[in-house]
Amino acid sequence: MTSNGTTNEPTFMHLQVSELAQVLNDNSHVVVDIRDANTFANGRITGAIHLTNESLADFLREADPDVPVVVCCYHGHSSQQAAQFLVSQDFTQVYSLDGGFSQWQLEHADKISR
């Protein structure tokens, strides 16, 4: 888990797929998936919440900002912007999943829900 910033401003951190696999079973982290609806429906990390423009307001209102949040996208790029946005909304521990769902699917095909 490495920090992304070099300034004192709050920023998201990076999380490796192997690190997420270690904490997934204890429900200590919330996984949010920002991929499109069809792709999400066809396979997602077990327990992931689909986060869209339409569901964002509800998530921000209902989520505990002190619970670690892991943002997942296709390859780990778009998730970085979404993670930084959540940090700006006062979430204290936000991670971008390096490699995204593509990497998760390669390493943990047994932990995918449809």
C-alpha atoms as a PDB file:
ATOM      1  CA  MET A   1       0.000   0.000   0.000  1.00  0.00           C
ATOM      2  CA  THR A   2       1.719   3.091  -1.192  1.00  0.00           C
ATOM      3  CA  SER A   3       0.675   6.709  -1.082  1.00  0.00           C
ATOM      4  CA  ASN A   4       0.162   8.527  -4.347  1.00  0.00           C
ATOM      5  CA  GLY A   5       1.064  12.060  -3.298  1.00  0.00           C
ATOM      6  CA  THR A   6       4.178  13.956  -2.430  1.00  0.00           C
ATOM      7  CA  THR A   7       2.388  16.939  -0.873  1.00  0.00           C
ATOM      8  CA  ASN A   8       0.625  17.183   2.446  1.00  0.00           C
ATOM      9  CA  GLU A   9      -2.763  17.149   0.742  1.00  0.00           C
ATOM     10  CA  PRO A  10      -4.843  14.034   1.407  1.00  0.00           C
ATOM     11  CA  THR A  11      -4.654  11.558  -1.439  1.00  0.00           C
ATOM     12  CA  PHE A  12      -5.639   8.011  -2.267  1.00  0.00           C
ATOM     13  CA  MET A  13      -3.335   5.020  -1.956  1.00  0.00           C
ATOM     14  CA  HIS A  14      -2.656   2.093  -4.256  1.00  0.00           C
ATOM     15  CA  LEU A  15      -3.691  -1.461  -3.381  1.00  0.00           C
ATOM     16  CA  GLN A  16      -2.408  -4.576  -5.089  1.00  0.00           C
ATOM     17  CA  VAL A  17      -4.817  -7.349  -6.060  1.00  0.00           C
ATOM     18  CA  SER A  18      -3.014  -9.712  -3.663  1.00  0.00           C
ATOM     19  CA  GLU A  19      -3.535  -7.248  -0.796  1.00  0.00           C
ATOM     20  CA  LEU A  20      -7.263  -6.964  -1.525  1.00  0.00           C
ATOM     21  CA  ALA A  21      -7.571 -10.753  -1.603  1.00  0.00           C
ATOM     22  CA  GLN A  22      -6.119 -10.882   1.910  1.00  0.00           C
ATOM     23  CA  VAL A  23      -8.667  -8.438   3.395  1.00  0.00           C
ATOM     24  CA  LEU A  24     -11.725  -9.315   1.303  1.00  0.00           C
ATOM     25  CA  ASN A  25     -12.963 -12.108   3.568  1.00  0.00           C
ATOM     26  CA  ASP A  26     -12.979 -10.040   6.763  1.00  0.00           C
ATOM     27  CA  ASN A  27     -15.310  -7.350   5.333  1.00  0.00           C
ATOM     28  CA  SER A  28     -12.974  -4.619   6.559  1.00  0.00           C
ATOM     29  CA  HIS A  29     -12.943  -2.851   3.171  1.00  0.00           C
ATOM     30  CA  VAL A  30     -15.768  -1.693   0.911  1.00  0.00           C
ATOM     31  CA  VAL A  31     -15.143  -2.400  -2.767  1.00  0.00           C
ATOM     32  CA  VAL A  32     -16.808  -0.052  -5.253  1.00  0.00           C
ATOM     33  CA  ASP A  33     -16.771  -0.873  -8.957  1.00  0.00           C
ATOM     34  CA  ILE A  34     -17.056   2.015 -11.426  1.00  0.00           C
ATOM     35  CA  ARG A  35     -17.227  -0.042 -14.637  1.00  0.00           C
ATOM     36  CA  ASP A  36     -20.315   0.120 -16.860  1.00  0.00           C
ATOM     37  CA  ALA A  37     -23.519  -1.695 -15.853  1.00  0.00           C
ATOM     38  CA  ASN A  38     -23.275  -4.555 -18.383  1.00  0.00           C
ATOM     39  CA  THR A  39     -19.681  -5.339 -17.508  1.00  0.00           C
ATOM     40  CA  PHE A  40     -20.458  -5.162 -13.778  1.00  0.00           C
ATOM     41  CA  ALA A  41     -23.440  -7.514 -14.243  1.00  0.00           C
ATOM     42  CA  ASN A  42     -21.286 -10.019 -16.131  1.00  0.00           C
ATOM     43  CA  GLY A  43     -18.679 -10.312 -13.382  1.00  0.00           C
ATOM     44  CA  ARG A  44     -17.464  -8.393 -10.360  1.00  0.00           C
ATOM     45  CA  ILE A  45     -15.386  -8.820  -7.242  1.00  0.00           C
ATOM     46  CA  THR A  46     -17.542 -10.639  -4.721  1.00  0.00           C
ATOM     47  CA  GLY A  47     -19.310  -8.088  -2.528  1.00  0.00           C
ATOM     48  CA  ALA A  48     -18.529  -5.101  -4.750  1.00  0.00           C
ATOM     49  CA  ILE A  49     -20.968  -2.197  -4.935  1.00  0.00           C
ATOM     50  CA  HIS A  50     -21.685  -0.731  -8.365  1.00  0.00           C
ATOM     51  CA  LEU A  51     -20.871   2.962  -8.110  1.00  0.00           C
ATOM     52  CA  THR A  52     -22.339   5.091 -10.891  1.00  0.00           C
ATOM     53  CA  ASN A  53     -23.211   8.751 -11.329  1.00  0.00           C
ATOM     54  CA  GLU A  54     -26.760   7.766 -10.361  1.00  0.00           C
ATOM     55  CA  SER A  55     -25.790   5.908  -7.171  1.00  0.00           C
ATOM     56  CA  LEU A  56     -23.008   8.252  -6.063  1.00  0.00           C
ATOM     57  CA  ALA A  57     -25.155  10.593  -3.936  1.00  0.00           C
ATOM     58  CA  ASP A  58     -26.649   7.659  -2.010  1.00  0.00           C
ATOM     59  CA  PHE A  59     -23.216   6.132  -1.473  1.00  0.00           C
ATOM     60  CA  LEU A  60     -21.792   9.401  -0.171  1.00  0.00           C
ATOM     61  CA  ARG A  61     -24.727   9.811   2.200  1.00  0.00           C
ATOM     62  CA  GLU A  62     -24.818   6.224   3.483  1.00  0.00           C
ATOM     63  CA  ALA A  63     -21.187   5.092   3.544  1.00  0.00           C
ATOM     64  CA  ASP A  64     -18.981   5.358   6.618  1.00  0.00           C
ATOM     65  CA  PRO A  65     -16.110   7.659   5.568  1.00  0.00           C
ATOM     66  CA  ASP A  66     -13.770   5.945   8.039  1.00  0.00           C
ATOM     67  CA  VAL A  67     -14.135   2.475   6.496  1.00  0.00           C
ATOM     68  CA  PRO A  68     -11.469   1.745   3.879  1.00  0.00           C
ATOM     69  CA  VAL A  69     -12.816   1.985   0.309  1.00  0.00           C
ATOM     70  CA  VAL A  70     -11.212   0.235  -2.666  1.00  0.00           C
ATOM     71  CA  VAL A  71     -12.134   1.611  -6.099  1.00  0.00           C
ATOM     72  CA  CYS A  72     -12.070  -0.879  -8.965  1.00  0.00           C
ATOM     73  CA  CYS A  73     -12.257  -0.124 -12.698  1.00  0.00           C
ATOM     74  CA  TYR A  74     -11.136  -2.063 -15.777  1.00  0.00           C
ATOM     75  CA  HIS A  75      -7.348  -1.715 -15.551  1.00  0.00           C
ATOM     76  CA  GLY A  76      -6.614   0.557 -12.569  1.00  0.00           C
ATOM     77  CA  HIS A  77      -6.542   3.928 -14.330  1.00  0.00           C
ATOM     78  CA  SER A  78     -10.031   5.471 -14.029  1.00  0.00           C
ATOM     79  CA  SER A  79     -10.195   4.261 -10.444  1.00  0.00           C
ATOM     80  CA  GLN A  80      -7.450   6.712  -9.514  1.00  0.00           C
ATOM     81  CA  GLN A  81      -9.587   9.740 -10.367  1.00  0.00           C
ATOM     82  CA  ALA A  82     -12.601   8.250  -8.604  1.00  0.00           C
ATOM     83  CA  ALA A  83     -10.472   7.446  -5.545  1.00  0.00           C
ATOM     84  CA  GLN A  84      -9.158  10.994  -5.401  1.00  0.00           C
ATOM     85  CA  PHE A  85     -12.735  12.277  -5.620  1.00  0.00           C
ATOM     86  CA  LEU A  86     -13.732  10.144  -2.613  1.00  0.00           C
ATOM     87  CA  VAL A  87     -10.755  11.542  -0.684  1.00  0.00           C
ATOM     88  CA  SER A  88     -12.035  15.035  -1.499  1.00  0.00           C
ATOM     89  CA  GLN A  89     -15.375  13.971   0.021  1.00  0.00           C
ATOM     90  CA  ASP A  90     -13.626  13.269   3.354  1.00  0.00           C
ATOM     91  CA  PHE A  91     -13.186   9.517   3.041  1.00  0.00           C
ATOM     92  CA  THR A  92     -10.091   8.779   5.101  1.00  0.00           C
ATOM     93  CA  GLN A  93      -8.717   5.565   3.539  1.00  0.00           C
ATOM     94  CA  VAL A  94      -9.277   5.251  -0.192  1.00  0.00           C
ATOM     95  CA  TYR A  95      -7.407   2.882  -2.474  1.00  0.00           C
ATOM     96  CA  SER A  96      -7.221   2.460  -6.234  1.00  0.00           C
ATOM     97  CA  LEU A  97      -6.963  -1.214  -7.170  1.00  0.00           C
ATOM     98  CA  ASP A  98      -3.810  -1.566  -9.270  1.00  0.00           C
ATOM     99  CA  GLY A  99      -4.532  -3.633 -12.369  1.00  0.00           C
ATOM    100  CA  GLY A 100      -8.284  -3.276 -11.829  1.00  0.00           C
ATOM    101  CA  PHE A 101     -10.787  -6.006 -12.508  1.00  0.00           C
ATOM    102  CA  SER A 102      -8.650  -7.388 -15.341  1.00  0.00           C
ATOM    103  CA  GLN A 103      -5.869  -8.252 -12.907  1.00  0.00           C
ATOM    104  CA  TRP A 104      -8.353  -9.516 -10.301  1.00  0.00           C
ATOM    105  CA  GLN A 105      -9.885 -11.845 -12.892  1.00  0.00           C
ATOM    106  CA  LEU A 106      -6.457 -13.268 -13.775  1.00  0.00           C
ATOM    107  CA  GLU A 107      -5.440 -13.942 -10.178  1.00  0.00           C
ATOM    108  CA  HIS A 108      -8.723 -14.591  -8.348  1.00  0.00           C
ATOM    109  CA  ALA A 109     -11.263 -16.028 -10.782  1.00  0.00           C
ATOM    110  CA  ASP A 110     -12.757 -17.958  -7.838  1.00  0.00           C
ATOM    111  CA  LYS A 111     -13.764 -14.664  -6.137  1.00  0.00           C
ATOM    112  CA  ILE A 112     -15.971 -13.283  -8.899  1.00  0.00           C
ATOM    113  CA  SER A 113     -19.745 -12.940  -8.623  1.00  0.00           C
ATOM    114  CA  ARG A 114     -22.156 -12.792 -11.536  1.00  0.00           C
END
